[in-house]
């Protein structure tokens, strides 16, 4: 089973990388961009075939290593 994990900064947390990307996009003429938030995308291949146990294991991975839950949110997408 494959999992896709998206990690982003929580709303209200300053995102200097997102601001730099937004500025660069404006410089390139993309003036319709109002805001950019940068994050991480992580793919994990699991041996598990049970969705519930896979999600529980991934949640533990996120809280222990993949995301800093004080300032970051994460979402998990399972792909069969």
PDB file of N, CA and C in Angstrom:
ATOM      1  N   UNK A   1       0.852  -1.169   0.000  1.00  0.00           N
ATOM      2  CA  UNK A   1       0.000   0.000   0.000  1.00  0.00           C
ATOM      3  C   UNK A   1       0.899   1.234   0.000  1.00  0.00           C
ATOM      4  N   UNK A   2       0.522   2.230  -0.787  1.00  0.00           N
ATOM      5  CA  UNK A   2       1.285   3.468  -0.865  1.00  0.00           C
ATOM      6  C   UNK A   2       0.512   4.577  -0.153  1.00  0.00           C
ATOM      7  N   UNK A   3       1.265   5.419   0.532  1.00  0.00           N
ATOM      8  CA  UNK A   3       0.663   6.559   1.219  1.00  0.00           C
ATOM      9  C   UNK A   3       1.328   7.837   0.743  1.00  0.00           C
ATOM     10  N   UNK A   4       0.499   8.878   0.635  1.00  0.00           N
ATOM     11  CA  UNK A   4       0.997  10.203   0.309  1.00  0.00           C
ATOM     12  C   UNK A   4       0.740  11.082   1.524  1.00  0.00           C
ATOM     13  N   UNK A   5       1.793  11.684   2.036  1.00  0.00           N
ATOM     14  CA  UNK A   5       1.699  12.530   3.217  1.00  0.00           C
ATOM     15  C   UNK A   5       2.050  13.962   2.816  1.00  0.00           C
ATOM     16  N   UNK A   6       1.159  14.880   3.109  1.00  0.00           N
ATOM     17  CA  UNK A   6       1.378  16.301   2.851  1.00  0.00           C
ATOM     18  C   UNK A   6       1.549  17.002   4.191  1.00  0.00           C
ATOM     19  N   UNK A   7       2.656  17.731   4.336  1.00  0.00           N
ATOM     20  CA  UNK A   7       2.945  18.461   5.570  1.00  0.00           C
ATOM     21  C   UNK A   7       3.029  19.947   5.226  1.00  0.00           C
ATOM     22  N   UNK A   8       2.238  20.754   5.917  1.00  0.00           N
ATOM     23  CA  UNK A   8       2.234  22.198   5.678  1.00  0.00           C
ATOM     24  C   UNK A   8       2.277  22.938   7.001  1.00  0.00           C
ATOM     25  N   UNK A   9       2.755  24.167   6.930  1.00  0.00           N
ATOM     26  CA  UNK A   9       2.744  25.006   8.130  1.00  0.00           C
ATOM     27  C   UNK A   9       1.308  25.353   8.495  1.00  0.00           C
ATOM     28  N   UNK A  10       1.038  25.421   9.788  1.00  0.00           N
ATOM     29  CA  UNK A  10      -0.292  25.806  10.247  1.00  0.00           C
ATOM     30  C   UNK A  10      -0.552  27.260   9.876  1.00  0.00           C
ATOM     31  N   UNK A  11      -1.835  27.577   9.677  1.00  0.00           N
ATOM     32  CA  UNK A  11      -2.216  28.974   9.432  1.00  0.00           C
ATOM     33  C   UNK A  11      -1.741  29.810  10.615  1.00  0.00           C
ATOM     34  N   UNK A  12      -1.244  30.971  10.338  1.00  0.00           N
ATOM     35  CA  UNK A  12      -0.753  31.841  11.395  1.00  0.00           C
ATOM     36  C   UNK A  12       0.738  31.714  11.623  1.00  0.00           C
ATOM     37  N   UNK A  13       1.351  30.624  11.146  1.00  0.00           N
ATOM     38  CA  UNK A  13       2.801  30.455  11.259  1.00  0.00           C
ATOM     39  C   UNK A  13       3.430  31.108  10.030  1.00  0.00           C
ATOM     40  N   UNK A  14       4.404  31.982  10.255  1.00  0.00           N
ATOM     41  CA  UNK A  14       5.059  32.657   9.148  1.00  0.00           C
ATOM     42  C   UNK A  14       5.728  31.647   8.225  1.00  0.00           C
ATOM     43  N   UNK A  15       5.616  31.896   6.910  1.00  0.00           N
ATOM     44  CA  UNK A  15       6.171  30.994   5.902  1.00  0.00           C
ATOM     45  C   UNK A  15       7.108  31.775   4.981  1.00  0.00           C
ATOM     46  N   UNK A  16       8.372  31.970   5.394  1.00  0.00           N
ATOM     47  CA  UNK A  16       9.295  32.754   4.577  1.00  0.00           C
ATOM     48  C   UNK A  16       9.557  32.127   3.204  1.00  0.00           C
ATOM     49  N   UNK A  17       9.565  30.815   3.122  1.00  0.00           N
ATOM     50  CA  UNK A  17       9.762  30.154   1.829  1.00  0.00           C
ATOM     51  C   UNK A  17       8.581  30.442   0.903  1.00  0.00           C
ATOM     52  N   UNK A  18       7.383  30.385   1.421  1.00  0.00           N
ATOM     53  CA  UNK A  18       6.197  30.705   0.634  1.00  0.00           C
ATOM     54  C   UNK A  18       6.215  32.145   0.160  1.00  0.00           C
ATOM     55  N   UNK A  19       6.645  33.064   1.042  1.00  0.00           N
ATOM     56  CA  UNK A  19       6.742  34.475   0.671  1.00  0.00           C
ATOM     57  C   UNK A  19       7.763  34.675  -0.442  1.00  0.00           C
ATOM     58  N   UNK A  20       8.894  33.970  -0.368  1.00  0.00           N
ATOM     59  CA  UNK A  20       9.929  34.076  -1.404  1.00  0.00           C
ATOM     60  C   UNK A  20       9.410  33.548  -2.741  1.00  0.00           C
ATOM     61  N   UNK A  21       8.664  32.464  -2.711  1.00  0.00           N
ATOM     62  CA  UNK A  21       8.087  31.904  -3.932  1.00  0.00           C
ATOM     63  C   UNK A  21       7.074  32.877  -4.528  1.00  0.00           C
ATOM     64  N   UNK A  22       6.226  33.452  -3.676  1.00  0.00           N
ATOM     65  CA  UNK A  22       5.233  34.412  -4.155  1.00  0.00           C
ATOM     66  C   UNK A  22       5.917  35.615  -4.797  1.00  0.00           C
ATOM     67  N   UNK A  23       6.972  36.111  -4.167  1.00  0.00           N
ATOM     68  CA  UNK A  23       7.712  37.243  -4.722  1.00  0.00           C
ATOM     69  C   UNK A  23       8.313  36.890  -6.084  1.00  0.00           C
ATOM     70  N   UNK A  24       8.912  35.701  -6.189  1.00  0.00           N
ATOM     71  CA  UNK A  24       9.504  35.266  -7.456  1.00  0.00           C
ATOM     72  C   UNK A  24       8.438  35.136  -8.545  1.00  0.00           C
ATOM     73  N   UNK A  25       7.279  34.615  -8.185  1.00  0.00           N
ATOM     74  CA  UNK A  25       6.189  34.489  -9.160  1.00  0.00           C
ATOM     75  C   UNK A  25       5.724  35.861  -9.644  1.00  0.00           C
ATOM     76  N   UNK A  26       5.640  36.815  -8.736  1.00  0.00           N
ATOM     77  CA  UNK A  26       5.269  38.185  -9.123  1.00  0.00           C
ATOM     78  C   UNK A  26       6.315  38.771 -10.066  1.00  0.00           C
ATOM     79  N   UNK A  27       7.598  38.523  -9.753  1.00  0.00           N
ATOM     80  CA  UNK A  27       8.689  39.002 -10.597  1.00  0.00           C
ATOM     81  C   UNK A  27       8.595  38.424 -12.009  1.00  0.00           C
ATOM     82  N   UNK A  28       8.105  37.192 -12.108  1.00  0.00           N
ATOM     83  CA  UNK A  28       7.953  36.532 -13.417  1.00  0.00           C
ATOM     84  C   UNK A  28       6.662  36.926 -14.125  1.00  0.00           C
ATOM     85  N   UNK A  29       5.888  37.805 -13.512  1.00  0.00           N
ATOM     86  CA  UNK A  29       4.688  38.303 -14.161  1.00  0.00           C
ATOM     87  C   UNK A  29       3.397  37.615 -13.760  1.00  0.00           C
ATOM     88  N   UNK A  30       3.445  36.744 -12.796  1.00  0.00           N
ATOM     89  CA  UNK A  30       2.241  36.063 -12.312  1.00  0.00           C
ATOM     90  C   UNK A  30       1.608  36.903 -11.203  1.00  0.00           C
ATOM     91  N   UNK A  31       0.990  37.990 -11.598  1.00  0.00           N
ATOM     92  CA  UNK A  31       0.478  38.963 -10.635  1.00  0.00           C
ATOM     93  C   UNK A  31      -0.828  38.540  -9.971  1.00  0.00           C
ATOM     94  N   UNK A  32      -1.448  37.478 -10.427  1.00  0.00           N
ATOM     95  CA  UNK A  32      -2.686  37.005  -9.832  1.00  0.00           C
ATOM     96  C   UNK A  32      -2.468  36.182  -8.567  1.00  0.00           C
ATOM     97  N   UNK A  33      -1.219  35.902  -8.223  1.00  0.00           N
ATOM     98  CA  UNK A  33      -0.910  35.107  -7.027  1.00  0.00           C
ATOM     99  C   UNK A  33      -1.063  35.988  -5.794  1.00  0.00           C
ATOM    100  N   UNK A  34      -1.938  35.592  -4.889  1.00  0.00           N
ATOM    101  CA  UNK A  34      -2.150  36.352  -3.660  1.00  0.00           C
ATOM    102  C   UNK A  34      -1.297  35.854  -2.507  1.00  0.00           C
ATOM    103  N   UNK A  35      -1.128  34.534  -2.410  1.00  0.00           N
ATOM    104  CA  UNK A  35      -0.374  33.969  -1.291  1.00  0.00           C
ATOM    105  C   UNK A  35       0.143  32.598  -1.693  1.00  0.00           C
ATOM    106  N   UNK A  36       1.271  32.210  -1.133  1.00  0.00           N
ATOM    107  CA  UNK A  36       1.851  30.887  -1.373  1.00  0.00           C
ATOM    108  C   UNK A  36       2.242  30.304  -0.023  1.00  0.00           C
ATOM    109  N   UNK A  37       1.900  29.053   0.197  1.00  0.00           N
ATOM    110  CA  UNK A  37       2.325  28.322   1.396  1.00  0.00           C
ATOM    111  C   UNK A  37       3.121  27.120   0.906  1.00  0.00           C
ATOM    112  N   UNK A  38       4.344  26.967   1.363  1.00  0.00           N
ATOM    113  CA  UNK A  38       5.201  25.857   0.961  1.00  0.00           C
ATOM    114  C   UNK A  38       5.092  24.735   1.987  1.00  0.00           C
ATOM    115  N   UNK A  39       5.348  23.519   1.543  1.00  0.00           N
ATOM    116  CA  UNK A  39       5.282  22.376   2.448  1.00  0.00           C
ATOM    117  C   UNK A  39       6.132  21.227   1.955  1.00  0.00           C
ATOM    118  N   UNK A  40       5.861  20.056   2.495  1.00  0.00           N
ATOM    119  CA  UNK A  40       6.597  18.846   2.120  1.00  0.00           C
ATOM    120  C   UNK A  40       5.608  17.800   1.618  1.00  0.00           C
ATOM    121  N   UNK A  41       6.069  16.996   0.671  1.00  0.00           N
ATOM    122  CA  UNK A  41       5.303  15.855   0.171  1.00  0.00           C
ATOM    123  C   UNK A  41       6.175  14.629   0.351  1.00  0.00           C
ATOM    124  N   UNK A  42       5.637  13.604   1.017  1.00  0.00           N
ATOM    125  CA  UNK A  42       6.394  12.391   1.317  1.00  0.00           C
ATOM    126  C   UNK A  42       5.577  11.189   0.870  1.00  0.00           C
ATOM    127  N   UNK A  43       6.186  10.302   0.073  1.00  0.00           N
ATOM    128  CA  UNK A  43       5.536   9.042  -0.306  1.00  0.00           C
ATOM    129  C   UNK A  43       6.127   7.925   0.527  1.00  0.00           C
ATOM    130  N   UNK A  44       5.258   7.097   1.070  1.00  0.00           N
ATOM    131  CA  UNK A  44       5.694   5.974   1.904  1.00  0.00           C
ATOM    132  C   UNK A  44       5.058   4.705   1.356  1.00  0.00           C
ATOM    133  N   UNK A  45       5.862   3.688   1.109  1.00  0.00           N
ATOM    134  CA  UNK A  45       5.373   2.387   0.670  1.00  0.00           C
ATOM    135  C   UNK A  45       5.317   1.487   1.904  1.00  0.00           C
ATOM    136  N   UNK A  46       4.131   0.943   2.169  1.00  0.00           N
ATOM    137  CA  UNK A  46       3.913   0.118   3.362  1.00  0.00           C
ATOM    138  C   UNK A  46       3.651  -1.335   2.998  1.00  0.00           C
ATOM    139  N   UNK A  47       4.052  -2.243   3.867  1.00  0.00           N
ATOM    140  CA  UNK A  47       3.739  -3.664   3.683  1.00  0.00           C
ATOM    141  C   UNK A  47       2.280  -3.958   4.000  1.00  0.00           C
ATOM    142  N   UNK A  48       1.731  -3.180   4.904  1.00  0.00           N
ATOM    143  CA  UNK A  48       0.369  -3.400   5.370  1.00  0.00           C
ATOM    144  C   UNK A  48      -0.648  -3.315   4.233  1.00  0.00           C
ATOM    145  N   UNK A  49      -1.660  -4.176   4.301  1.00  0.00           N
ATOM    146  CA  UNK A  49      -2.763  -4.115   3.335  1.00  0.00           C
ATOM    147  C   UNK A  49      -4.061  -3.677   4.016  1.00  0.00           C
ATOM    148  N   UNK A  50      -4.011  -3.537   5.341  1.00  0.00           N
ATOM    149  CA  UNK A  50      -5.177  -3.098   6.107  1.00  0.00           C
ATOM    150  C   UNK A  50      -5.148  -1.583   6.247  1.00  0.00           C
ATOM    151  N   UNK A  51      -6.180  -0.913   5.752  1.00  0.00           N
ATOM    152  CA  UNK A  51      -6.214   0.538   5.739  1.00  0.00           C
ATOM    153  C   UNK A  51      -6.157   1.142   7.135  1.00  0.00           C
ATOM    154  N   UNK A  52      -6.886   0.568   8.066  1.00  0.00           N
ATOM    155  CA  UNK A  52      -6.933   1.116   9.428  1.00  0.00           C
ATOM    156  C   UNK A  52      -5.567   1.042  10.110  1.00  0.00           C
ATOM    157  N   UNK A  53      -4.893  -0.092   9.998  1.00  0.00           N
ATOM    158  CA  UNK A  53      -3.580  -0.227  10.642  1.00  0.00           C
ATOM    159  C   UNK A  53      -2.539   0.628   9.924  1.00  0.00           C
ATOM    160  N   UNK A  54      -2.650   0.750   8.603  1.00  0.00           N
ATOM    161  CA  UNK A  54      -1.726   1.598   7.852  1.00  0.00           C
ATOM    162  C   UNK A  54      -1.882   3.051   8.274  1.00  0.00           C
ATOM    163  N   UNK A  55      -3.122   3.500   8.390  1.00  0.00           N
ATOM    164  CA  UNK A  55      -3.376   4.886   8.781  1.00  0.00           C
ATOM    165  C   UNK A  55      -2.854   5.148  10.205  1.00  0.00           C
ATOM    166  N   UNK A  56      -3.028   4.180  11.104  1.00  0.00           N
ATOM    167  CA  UNK A  56      -2.546   4.329  12.477  1.00  0.00           C
ATOM    168  C   UNK A  56      -1.014   4.417  12.503  1.00  0.00           C
ATOM    169  N   UNK A  57      -0.371   3.564  11.711  1.00  0.00           N
ATOM    170  CA  UNK A  57       1.090   3.564  11.643  1.00  0.00           C
ATOM    171  C   UNK A  57       1.606   4.886  11.040  1.00  0.00           C
ATOM    172  N   UNK A  58       0.959   5.356   9.996  1.00  0.00           N
ATOM    173  CA  UNK A  58       1.357   6.615   9.370  1.00  0.00           C
ATOM    174  C   UNK A  58       1.153   7.800  10.302  1.00  0.00           C
ATOM    175  N   UNK A  59       0.070   7.785  11.058  1.00  0.00           N
ATOM    176  CA  UNK A  59      -0.173   8.842  12.026  1.00  0.00           C
ATOM    177  C   UNK A  59       0.963   8.891  13.051  1.00  0.00           C
ATOM    178  N   UNK A  60       1.412   7.737  13.499  1.00  0.00           N
ATOM    179  CA  UNK A  60       2.527   7.673  14.443  1.00  0.00           C
ATOM    180  C   UNK A  60       3.810   8.197  13.799  1.00  0.00           C
ATOM    181  N   UNK A  61       4.037   7.852  12.531  1.00  0.00           N
ATOM    182  CA  UNK A  61       5.224   8.352  11.819  1.00  0.00           C
ATOM    183  C   UNK A  61       5.207   9.874  11.736  1.00  0.00           C
ATOM    184  N   UNK A  62       4.038  10.412  11.444  1.00  0.00           N
ATOM    185  CA  UNK A  62       3.911  11.864  11.305  1.00  0.00           C
ATOM    186  C   UNK A  62       4.148  12.578  12.620  1.00  0.00           C
ATOM    187  N   UNK A  63       3.565  12.076  13.698  1.00  0.00           N
ATOM    188  CA  UNK A  63       3.704  12.761  14.983  1.00  0.00           C
ATOM    189  C   UNK A  63       5.096  12.594  15.586  1.00  0.00           C
ATOM    190  N   UNK A  64       5.797  11.504  15.234  1.00  0.00           N
ATOM    191  CA  UNK A  64       7.122  11.255  15.804  1.00  0.00           C
ATOM    192  C   UNK A  64       8.266  11.810  14.958  1.00  0.00           C
ATOM    193  N   UNK A  65       8.065  11.927  13.625  1.00  0.00           N
ATOM    194  CA  UNK A  65       9.198  12.310  12.786  1.00  0.00           C
ATOM    195  C   UNK A  65       8.853  13.232  11.615  1.00  0.00           C
ATOM    196  N   UNK A  66       7.835  12.892  10.855  1.00  0.00           N
ATOM    197  CA  UNK A  66       7.606  13.566   9.577  1.00  0.00           C
ATOM    198  C   UNK A  66       7.085  15.000   9.712  1.00  0.00           C
ATOM    199  N   UNK A  67       6.381  15.302  10.785  1.00  0.00           N
ATOM    200  CA  UNK A  67       5.827  16.643  10.970  1.00  0.00           C
ATOM    201  C   UNK A  67       6.114  17.148  12.376  1.00  0.00           C
ATOM    202  N   UNK A  68       6.359  18.427  12.473  1.00  0.00           N
ATOM    203  CA  UNK A  68       6.474  19.084  13.776  1.00  0.00           C
ATOM    204  C   UNK A  68       5.074  19.584  14.105  1.00  0.00           C
ATOM    205  N   UNK A  69       4.331  18.818  14.865  1.00  0.00           N
ATOM    206  CA  UNK A  69       2.907  19.104  15.081  1.00  0.00           C
ATOM    207  C   UNK A  69       2.643  20.384  15.863  1.00  0.00           C
ATOM    208  N   UNK A  70       3.680  21.003  16.397  1.00  0.00           N
ATOM    209  CA  UNK A  70       3.500  22.287  17.066  1.00  0.00           C
ATOM    210  C   UNK A  70       3.216  23.374  16.024  1.00  0.00           C
ATOM    211  N   UNK A  71       3.910  23.304  14.887  1.00  0.00           N
ATOM    212  CA  UNK A  71       3.755  24.347  13.866  1.00  0.00           C
ATOM    213  C   UNK A  71       3.273  23.825  12.513  1.00  0.00           C
ATOM    214  N   UNK A  72       3.127  22.499  12.373  1.00  0.00           N
ATOM    215  CA  UNK A  72       2.753  21.930  11.087  1.00  0.00           C
ATOM    216  C   UNK A  72       1.509  21.053  11.196  1.00  0.00           C
ATOM    217  N   UNK A  73       0.720  21.056  10.125  1.00  0.00           N
ATOM    218  CA  UNK A  73      -0.396  20.134   9.957  1.00  0.00           C
ATOM    219  C   UNK A  73       0.019  19.086   8.932  1.00  0.00           C
ATOM    220  N   UNK A  74      -0.629  17.934   8.980  1.00  0.00           N
ATOM    221  CA  UNK A  74      -0.366  16.921   7.971  1.00  0.00           C
ATOM    222  C   UNK A  74      -1.664  16.250   7.555  1.00  0.00           C
ATOM    223  N   UNK A  75      -1.646  15.727   6.341  1.00  0.00           N
ATOM    224  CA  UNK A  75      -2.763  14.935   5.854  1.00  0.00           C
ATOM    225  C   UNK A  75      -2.206  13.679   5.208  1.00  0.00           C
ATOM    226  N   UNK A  76      -2.983  12.614   5.299  1.00  0.00           N
ATOM    227  CA  UNK A  76      -2.569  11.304   4.791  1.00  0.00           C
ATOM    228  C   UNK A  76      -3.564  10.848   3.741  1.00  0.00           C
ATOM    229  N   UNK A  77      -3.036  10.419   2.608  1.00  0.00           N
ATOM    230  CA  UNK A  77      -3.860   9.849   1.544  1.00  0.00           C
ATOM    231  C   UNK A  77      -3.338   8.445   1.242  1.00  0.00           C
ATOM    232  N   UNK A  78      -4.197   7.451   1.385  1.00  0.00           N
ATOM    233  CA  UNK A  78      -3.807   6.081   1.077  1.00  0.00           C
ATOM    234  C   UNK A  78      -4.189   5.740  -0.351  1.00  0.00           C
ATOM    235  N   UNK A  79      -3.266   5.091  -1.045  1.00  0.00           N
ATOM    236  CA  UNK A  79      -3.497   4.672  -2.426  1.00  0.00           C
ATOM    237  C   UNK A  79      -3.314   3.166  -2.473  1.00  0.00           C
ATOM    238  N   UNK A  80      -4.372   2.463  -2.864  1.00  0.00           N
ATOM    239  CA  UNK A  80      -4.304   0.988  -2.889  1.00  0.00           C
ATOM    240  C   UNK A  80      -3.443   0.496  -4.025  1.00  0.00           C
TER     241      UNK A  80
END
